[in-house]
Amino acid sequence: MTTEFVSVPAATTVEDALERVRALARSGRREAMYAIYATDADGRLAGVLSLRELLAAAPGAKISDIAWTEIVSLGPNADREEVARLTSNYDLVAIPVVSESGHLMGVITVDDVIDVIQEEQTEDVQKLGGMEALDEPYMQISFWRMIRKRAGWLCALFIGEMFTATALGYFQGTIDRATVLALFLPLIISSGGNSGSQGTSLMIRSLALQEVGIRDWWRVAVRELPAGLTLGVILGVIGLVRIELWQLLHDHSIHIFGVPLGMNYNQHPGISIEAHLVALTVGLALVGVVTFGTMVGSMLPFLFRRIGFDPASASAPFVATLVDVTGLVIYFTVALVVLHGVVL
């Protein structure tokens, strides 16, 4: 905010206001000459007009007659994101800052807003990466301070991933009896994490731009549920076709340059239905995991906003870690149901 701006009493004539602007311009003491602010007898902000409007007005007209009285202004404690939003929504080059009593305190210029936007975007990107926002440029921050900024979330995510190992241990017997299921663990885990990261990124940005509010969580959920199901079906079909195709290539002993194509998913000779059931297991699991990931990713930013945290703290790594554990549970639960009596 700058305290160097042009203000004149509302009763001032255009001719006198222009003379004041010229005098201030020659002195070089005023930075924000994007607009002229009119004040009443008590010094409260009463109107605003641009230099263009001032130059086009009749010399004898009063400022109060030509100034805009519907003023977009900010309080002294306004959030930086609010400053950026108002500037963008109203295409402003300067925003007046007024006290609770309405007195003009200063002006936030467009170059200040650009700095704010850059800082906010940098902070959000760093939080989305799963770390605390740096308060200094990368090359200027000390080594140990940077480590502290990064280690906290990294340790928390590592501890969260330990639950993934716990879940795998719980289903160890299932893996031993159907080792083919282990081949698709990276596929299942990454698909859930990717869908969750998409939902998180969409909602964080929408909340920042105020395209949605915290009360819109239900509308978002109703919208994201069918979206997650659709995306899950798409990936599930791709996964199912891939497994069936690889089994078909193996069964027909197709080679390219002497290299065999495909893979045999039938663990037990003579039970050819296994490959089809494995494909069905992976397909259904992908539908469940992607749907769950989409819902969790889109709802977490609302939860964080509700409890007073920055929604950007619902970072992609955090969502991926959460979905990893539940994704494993969904995958092996589907496997136990589909493969029961055949392999398991």
Protein backbone atom coordinates (compact mmCIF):
# COMPACT_ATOMS: atom_id res chain seq x y z
CA MET A 1 0.00 0.00 0.00
CA THR A 2 1.17 3.51 -0.79
CA THR A 3 0.12 6.68 0.98
CA GLU A 4 1.04 8.74 -2.06
CA PHE A 5 -2.19 9.30 -3.94
CA VAL A 6 -4.28 12.16 -5.30
CA SER A 7 -7.29 13.22 -3.26
CA VAL A 8 -9.38 16.38 -3.48
CA PRO A 9 -12.45 17.64 -1.63
CA ALA A 10 -15.66 16.60 -3.37
CA ALA A 11 -16.66 20.26 -3.72
CA THR A 12 -13.54 21.05 -5.77
CA THR A 13 -14.06 22.07 -9.39
CA VAL A 14 -12.53 20.11 -12.26
CA GLU A 15 -10.28 23.05 -13.13
CA ASP A 16 -8.88 23.23 -9.60
CA ALA A 17 -8.47 19.45 -9.45
CA LEU A 18 -6.51 19.48 -12.71
CA GLU A 19 -4.26 22.19 -11.41
CA ARG A 20 -3.61 20.13 -8.30
CA VAL A 21 -2.78 17.07 -10.40
CA ARG A 22 -0.34 19.09 -12.52
CA ALA A 23 1.35 20.49 -9.43
CA LEU A 24 1.72 17.06 -7.87
CA ALA A 25 2.99 15.56 -11.12
CA ARG A 26 5.66 18.25 -11.43
CA SER A 27 6.76 17.70 -7.85
CA GLY A 28 7.16 13.96 -8.42
CA ARG A 29 5.84 13.27 -4.92
CA ARG A 30 2.78 11.27 -5.88
CA GLU A 31 3.07 7.73 -7.17
CA ALA A 32 -0.53 6.59 -7.66
CA MET A 33 -2.05 8.89 -10.27
CA TYR A 34 -4.28 6.22 -11.73
CA ALA A 35 -7.33 7.84 -10.17
CA ILE A 36 -8.48 10.89 -8.20
CA TYR A 37 -10.27 10.27 -4.93
CA ALA A 38 -12.94 12.65 -3.67
CA THR A 39 -13.37 13.13 0.08
CA ASP A 40 -16.18 14.74 2.02
CA ALA A 41 -15.84 17.47 4.64
CA ASP A 42 -14.86 14.88 7.29
CA GLY A 43 -12.17 13.31 5.10
CA ARG A 44 -14.14 10.17 4.29
CA LEU A 45 -13.93 8.66 0.83
CA ALA A 46 -16.90 9.90 -1.17
CA GLY A 47 -16.07 9.10 -4.78
CA VAL A 48 -13.48 8.19 -7.37
CA LEU A 49 -12.82 9.05 -11.00
CA SER A 50 -10.09 8.31 -13.51
CA LEU A 51 -7.71 10.83 -15.02
CA ARG A 52 -9.44 10.30 -18.35
CA GLU A 53 -12.79 11.25 -16.86
CA LEU A 54 -11.25 14.28 -15.17
CA LEU A 55 -9.69 15.50 -18.42
CA ALA A 56 -12.97 15.04 -20.33
CA ALA A 57 -15.12 16.90 -17.78
CA ALA A 58 -16.20 20.53 -18.04
CA PRO A 59 -13.77 22.83 -16.18
CA GLY A 60 -16.50 24.33 -14.02
CA ALA A 61 -18.07 21.03 -12.96
CA LYS A 62 -17.68 19.85 -9.41
CA ILE A 63 -15.89 16.60 -8.64
CA SER A 64 -18.90 15.42 -6.62
CA ASP A 65 -21.04 15.64 -9.78
CA ILE A 66 -18.83 13.43 -11.95
CA ALA A 67 -17.19 11.02 -9.48
CA TRP A 68 -18.34 7.43 -9.09
CA THR A 69 -19.88 6.88 -5.69
CA GLU A 70 -20.04 3.07 -5.94
CA ILE A 71 -16.49 2.44 -4.82
CA VAL A 72 -14.64 -0.86 -4.60
CA SER A 73 -12.43 -0.54 -1.53
CA LEU A 74 -10.61 -2.64 1.05
CA GLY A 75 -10.07 -2.51 4.78
CA PRO A 76 -6.57 -2.27 6.27
CA ASN A 77 -6.66 -5.94 7.32
CA ALA A 78 -7.84 -7.37 4.00
CA ASP A 79 -6.36 -10.71 2.96
CA ARG A 80 -3.89 -10.70 0.09
CA GLU A 81 -6.05 -13.11 -1.89
CA GLU A 82 -9.00 -10.73 -1.53
CA VAL A 83 -6.87 -7.91 -2.97
CA ALA A 84 -5.94 -10.03 -5.98
CA ARG A 85 -9.54 -11.19 -6.50
CA LEU A 86 -11.02 -7.67 -6.48
CA THR A 87 -8.37 -6.38 -8.85
CA SER A 88 -9.04 -9.21 -11.28
CA ASN A 89 -12.85 -9.13 -11.06
CA TYR A 90 -13.20 -5.37 -11.50
CA ASP A 91 -10.18 -4.77 -13.80
CA LEU A 92 -8.82 -2.15 -11.42
CA VAL A 93 -5.41 -0.48 -11.57
CA ALA A 94 -5.68 0.84 -8.00
CA ILE A 95 -7.82 0.02 -4.96
CA PRO A 96 -8.39 2.51 -2.12
CA VAL A 97 -7.84 1.31 1.43
CA VAL A 98 -10.24 2.84 3.95
CA SER A 99 -10.54 2.65 7.72
CA GLU A 100 -13.63 1.40 9.55
CA SER A 101 -14.86 4.98 9.69
CA GLY A 102 -14.47 5.36 5.92
CA HIS A 103 -11.38 7.58 5.93
CA LEU A 104 -8.96 7.10 3.05
CA MET A 105 -5.73 5.56 4.34
CA GLY A 106 -3.86 4.65 1.17
CA VAL A 107 -3.98 2.98 -2.21
CA ILE A 108 -2.93 -0.45 -3.43
CA THR A 109 -1.61 -0.13 -6.98
CA VAL A 110 -1.58 -2.73 -9.72
CA ASP A 111 2.16 -3.34 -9.39
CA ASP A 112 1.60 -4.18 -5.72
CA VAL A 113 -1.17 -6.57 -6.73
CA ILE A 114 1.08 -8.33 -9.26
CA ASP A 115 3.58 -8.95 -6.47
CA VAL A 116 0.78 -10.28 -4.27
CA ILE A 117 -0.49 -12.63 -6.98
CA GLN A 118 3.01 -13.96 -7.61
CA GLU A 119 3.61 -14.55 -3.89
CA GLU A 120 0.24 -16.28 -3.45
CA GLN A 121 0.76 -18.52 -6.45
CA THR A 122 4.26 -19.43 -5.29
CA GLU A 123 2.92 -20.27 -1.83
CA ASP A 124 0.11 -22.42 -3.24
CA VAL A 125 2.42 -24.31 -5.59
CA GLN A 126 4.83 -25.08 -2.76
CA LYS A 127 2.00 -26.27 -0.51
CA LEU A 128 0.60 -28.41 -3.31
CA GLY A 129 4.01 -30.06 -3.51
CA GLY A 130 3.70 -31.16 0.10
CA MET A 131 5.87 -28.66 1.97
CA GLU A 132 5.58 -25.45 3.97
CA ALA A 133 5.71 -22.27 1.89
CA LEU A 134 9.15 -20.65 1.75
CA ASP A 135 9.22 -17.08 3.02
CA GLU A 136 12.47 -16.29 1.19
CA PRO A 137 13.76 -16.86 -2.37
CA TYR A 138 15.20 -20.34 -2.87
CA MET A 139 18.81 -19.21 -3.31
CA GLN A 140 18.64 -16.95 -0.25
CA ILE A 141 17.05 -19.25 2.31
CA SER A 142 19.47 -21.06 4.62
CA PHE A 143 20.03 -24.79 4.18
CA TRP A 144 18.65 -25.87 7.55
CA ARG A 145 15.66 -23.54 7.31
CA MET A 146 14.80 -25.10 3.95
CA ILE A 147 15.16 -28.58 5.49
CA ARG A 148 12.74 -27.63 8.28
CA LYS A 149 10.24 -26.37 5.73
CA ARG A 150 10.38 -29.65 3.81
CA ALA A 151 10.96 -32.27 6.49
CA GLY A 152 7.71 -31.80 8.44
CA TRP A 153 5.29 -32.78 5.70
CA LEU A 154 7.72 -35.36 4.29
CA CYS A 155 7.88 -37.16 7.65
CA ALA A 156 4.11 -36.97 8.05
CA LEU A 157 3.59 -38.44 4.58
CA PHE A 158 6.16 -41.16 5.29
CA ILE A 159 4.33 -42.15 8.46
CA GLY A 160 1.10 -42.19 6.47
CA GLU A 161 2.64 -44.50 3.88
CA MET A 162 3.48 -46.93 6.69
CA PHE A 163 -0.23 -47.71 6.79
CA THR A 164 0.13 -48.86 3.19
CA ALA A 165 2.71 -51.40 4.33
CA THR A 166 0.36 -52.43 7.13
CA ALA A 167 -2.47 -52.95 4.65
CA LEU A 168 -0.20 -55.03 2.42
CA GLY A 169 0.78 -57.14 5.41
CA TYR A 170 -2.87 -57.73 6.24
CA PHE A 171 -3.48 -59.08 2.73
CA GLN A 172 -0.21 -61.04 2.56
CA GLY A 173 -2.09 -64.33 2.51
CA THR A 174 -4.16 -63.17 -0.43
CA ILE A 175 -1.03 -62.15 -2.33
CA ASP A 176 0.63 -65.51 -1.59
CA ARG A 177 -2.33 -67.42 -3.05
CA ALA A 178 -2.74 -65.09 -6.05
CA THR A 179 0.63 -63.52 -6.78
CA VAL A 180 -0.70 -62.16 -10.06
CA LEU A 181 -2.57 -59.52 -8.06
CA ALA A 182 0.73 -57.95 -7.00
CA LEU A 183 1.48 -57.08 -10.64
CA PHE A 184 -1.29 -54.49 -10.66
CA LEU A 185 -0.61 -52.81 -7.33
CA PRO A 186 1.26 -49.85 -8.93
CA LEU A 187 -1.59 -49.46 -11.42
CA ILE A 188 -4.25 -49.36 -8.71
CA ILE A 189 -2.32 -47.09 -6.35
CA SER A 190 -1.26 -44.56 -8.99
CA SER A 191 -4.74 -44.35 -10.53
CA GLY A 192 -6.31 -43.53 -7.16
CA GLY A 193 -3.64 -40.97 -6.34
CA ASN A 194 -3.88 -39.34 -9.77
CA SER A 195 -7.66 -39.00 -9.62
CA GLY A 196 -7.44 -37.59 -6.10
CA SER A 197 -4.79 -35.08 -7.14
CA GLN A 198 -6.99 -33.92 -10.01
CA GLY A 199 -9.95 -33.34 -7.70
CA THR A 200 -7.79 -31.52 -5.16
CA SER A 201 -6.23 -29.22 -7.75
CA LEU A 202 -9.63 -28.33 -9.21
CA MET A 203 -11.18 -27.47 -5.85
CA ILE A 204 -8.19 -25.56 -4.48
CA ARG A 205 -8.20 -23.30 -7.52
CA SER A 206 -11.99 -22.94 -7.53
CA LEU A 207 -11.98 -21.96 -3.85
CA ALA A 208 -9.15 -19.48 -4.42
CA LEU A 209 -11.07 -17.82 -7.27
CA GLN A 210 -14.31 -18.01 -5.24
CA GLU A 211 -15.99 -19.97 -8.02
CA VAL A 212 -17.29 -22.17 -5.20
CA GLY A 213 -17.76 -21.51 -1.50
CA ILE A 214 -17.63 -23.77 1.52
CA ARG A 215 -21.43 -24.11 1.41
CA ASP A 216 -21.19 -25.55 -2.10
CA TRP A 217 -19.54 -28.77 -0.93
CA TRP A 218 -22.72 -30.77 -1.44
CA ARG A 219 -23.17 -29.51 -5.00
CA VAL A 220 -19.54 -30.35 -5.72
CA ALA A 221 -19.97 -33.84 -4.25
CA VAL A 222 -23.05 -34.47 -6.40
CA ARG A 223 -21.07 -33.34 -9.44
CA GLU A 224 -17.85 -35.23 -8.64
CA LEU A 225 -19.45 -38.58 -7.78
CA PRO A 226 -20.66 -39.32 -11.33
CA ALA A 227 -17.43 -37.81 -12.67
CA GLY A 228 -15.40 -40.21 -10.55
CA LEU A 229 -17.55 -43.16 -11.59
CA THR A 230 -17.20 -42.27 -15.26
CA LEU A 231 -13.44 -41.85 -15.02
CA GLY A 232 -13.22 -45.11 -13.08
CA VAL A 233 -15.21 -46.97 -15.74
CA ILE A 234 -12.95 -45.57 -18.48
CA LEU A 235 -9.78 -46.68 -16.69
CA GLY A 236 -11.39 -49.96 -15.65
CA VAL A 237 -12.25 -50.84 -19.24
CA ILE A 238 -8.72 -49.96 -20.37
CA GLY A 239 -7.24 -52.14 -17.61
CA LEU A 240 -9.57 -55.04 -18.38
CA VAL A 241 -8.84 -54.91 -22.12
CA ARG A 242 -5.11 -54.72 -21.48
CA ILE A 243 -5.12 -57.91 -19.36
CA GLU A 244 -7.32 -59.81 -21.82
CA LEU A 245 -5.14 -58.70 -24.74
CA TRP A 246 -1.90 -59.73 -23.04
CA GLN A 247 -3.36 -63.15 -22.20
CA LEU A 248 -4.54 -63.56 -25.80
CA LEU A 249 -1.09 -62.71 -27.15
CA HIS A 250 0.44 -65.27 -24.80
CA ASP A 251 -2.06 -68.00 -25.69
CA HIS A 252 -1.30 -67.59 -29.41
CA SER A 253 2.48 -67.47 -28.82
CA ILE A 254 2.90 -64.24 -30.78
CA HIS A 255 6.50 -63.02 -31.08
CA ILE A 256 8.13 -59.90 -32.49
CA PHE A 257 11.82 -60.18 -33.40
CA GLY A 258 11.92 -63.36 -31.37
CA VAL A 259 10.56 -61.66 -28.26
CA PRO A 260 7.34 -63.21 -26.90
CA LEU A 261 4.45 -60.83 -26.38
CA GLY A 262 1.81 -60.99 -23.72
CA MET A 263 1.72 -62.62 -20.30
CA ASN A 264 0.08 -65.65 -18.75
CA TYR A 265 -2.23 -64.66 -15.90
CA ASN A 266 -3.49 -68.23 -15.36
CA GLN A 267 -1.66 -69.44 -12.26
CA HIS A 268 -3.17 -72.91 -12.34
CA PRO A 269 -2.93 -75.04 -15.52
CA GLY A 270 -6.31 -75.93 -16.94
CA ILE A 271 -8.17 -73.06 -15.26
CA SER A 272 -8.36 -70.60 -18.15
CA ILE A 273 -11.05 -68.56 -16.45
CA GLU A 274 -8.46 -67.08 -14.09
CA ALA A 275 -7.27 -64.43 -16.56
CA HIS A 276 -10.83 -63.23 -17.13
CA LEU A 277 -11.47 -63.00 -13.41
CA VAL A 278 -8.21 -61.14 -12.82
CA ALA A 279 -9.21 -58.69 -15.55
CA LEU A 280 -12.63 -58.26 -13.94
CA THR A 281 -11.01 -57.76 -10.52
CA VAL A 282 -8.69 -55.03 -11.79
CA GLY A 283 -11.48 -53.35 -13.76
CA LEU A 284 -13.91 -53.23 -10.82
CA ALA A 285 -11.18 -52.17 -8.40
CA LEU A 286 -10.22 -49.28 -10.67
CA VAL A 287 -13.83 -48.07 -10.71
CA GLY A 288 -13.93 -48.09 -6.91
CA VAL A 289 -10.48 -46.63 -6.33
CA VAL A 290 -10.82 -43.82 -8.88
CA THR A 291 -14.28 -42.89 -7.60
CA PHE A 292 -13.04 -42.84 -4.01
CA GLY A 293 -9.93 -40.85 -4.97
CA THR A 294 -11.99 -38.29 -6.86
CA MET A 295 -14.38 -37.80 -3.95
CA VAL A 296 -11.64 -37.55 -1.32
CA GLY A 297 -9.57 -35.19 -3.47
CA SER A 298 -12.49 -32.85 -4.12
CA MET A 299 -13.80 -32.83 -0.53
CA LEU A 300 -10.54 -32.40 1.41
CA PRO A 301 -10.05 -28.71 0.45
CA PHE A 302 -13.53 -27.95 1.82
CA LEU A 303 -12.68 -29.77 5.05
CA PHE A 304 -9.42 -27.85 5.41
CA ARG A 305 -11.20 -24.53 4.79
CA ARG A 306 -13.88 -25.47 7.32
CA ILE A 307 -11.36 -26.13 10.12
CA GLY A 308 -9.42 -22.96 9.34
CA PHE A 309 -6.50 -24.31 7.30
CA ASP A 310 -5.38 -23.17 3.87
CA PRO A 311 -7.07 -25.49 1.32
CA ALA A 312 -3.74 -25.65 -0.53
CA SER A 313 -2.46 -27.68 2.43
CA ALA A 314 -4.55 -30.56 1.06
CA SER A 315 -1.60 -31.24 -1.19
CA ALA A 316 -1.39 -33.84 -3.93
CA PRO A 317 1.08 -36.02 -1.94
CA PHE A 318 -1.24 -35.89 1.09
CA VAL A 319 -4.23 -37.01 -0.97
CA ALA A 320 -2.17 -39.70 -2.73
CA THR A 321 -0.99 -41.09 0.61
CA LEU A 322 -4.55 -41.23 1.94
CA VAL A 323 -5.89 -42.88 -1.20
CA ASP A 324 -3.03 -45.41 -1.34
CA VAL A 325 -4.15 -47.16 1.83
CA THR A 326 -7.84 -47.19 0.99
CA GLY A 327 -7.04 -48.18 -2.60
CA LEU A 328 -5.31 -51.33 -1.41
CA VAL A 329 -8.27 -52.22 0.80
CA ILE A 330 -10.70 -51.72 -2.09
CA TYR A 331 -8.51 -53.74 -4.49
CA PHE A 332 -8.05 -56.76 -2.28
CA THR A 333 -11.66 -56.69 -1.09
CA VAL A 334 -12.82 -56.87 -4.71
CA ALA A 335 -10.30 -59.67 -5.33
CA LEU A 336 -11.61 -61.69 -2.38
CA VAL A 337 -15.15 -61.40 -3.73
CA VAL A 338 -14.43 -62.05 -7.44
CA LEU A 339 -11.74 -64.73 -7.07
CA HIS A 340 -13.35 -66.54 -4.14
CA GLY A 341 -13.51 -70.28 -4.80
CA VAL A 342 -11.34 -70.07 -7.92
CA VAL A 343 -7.95 -68.81 -6.83
CA LEU A 344 -8.60 -67.64 -3.26
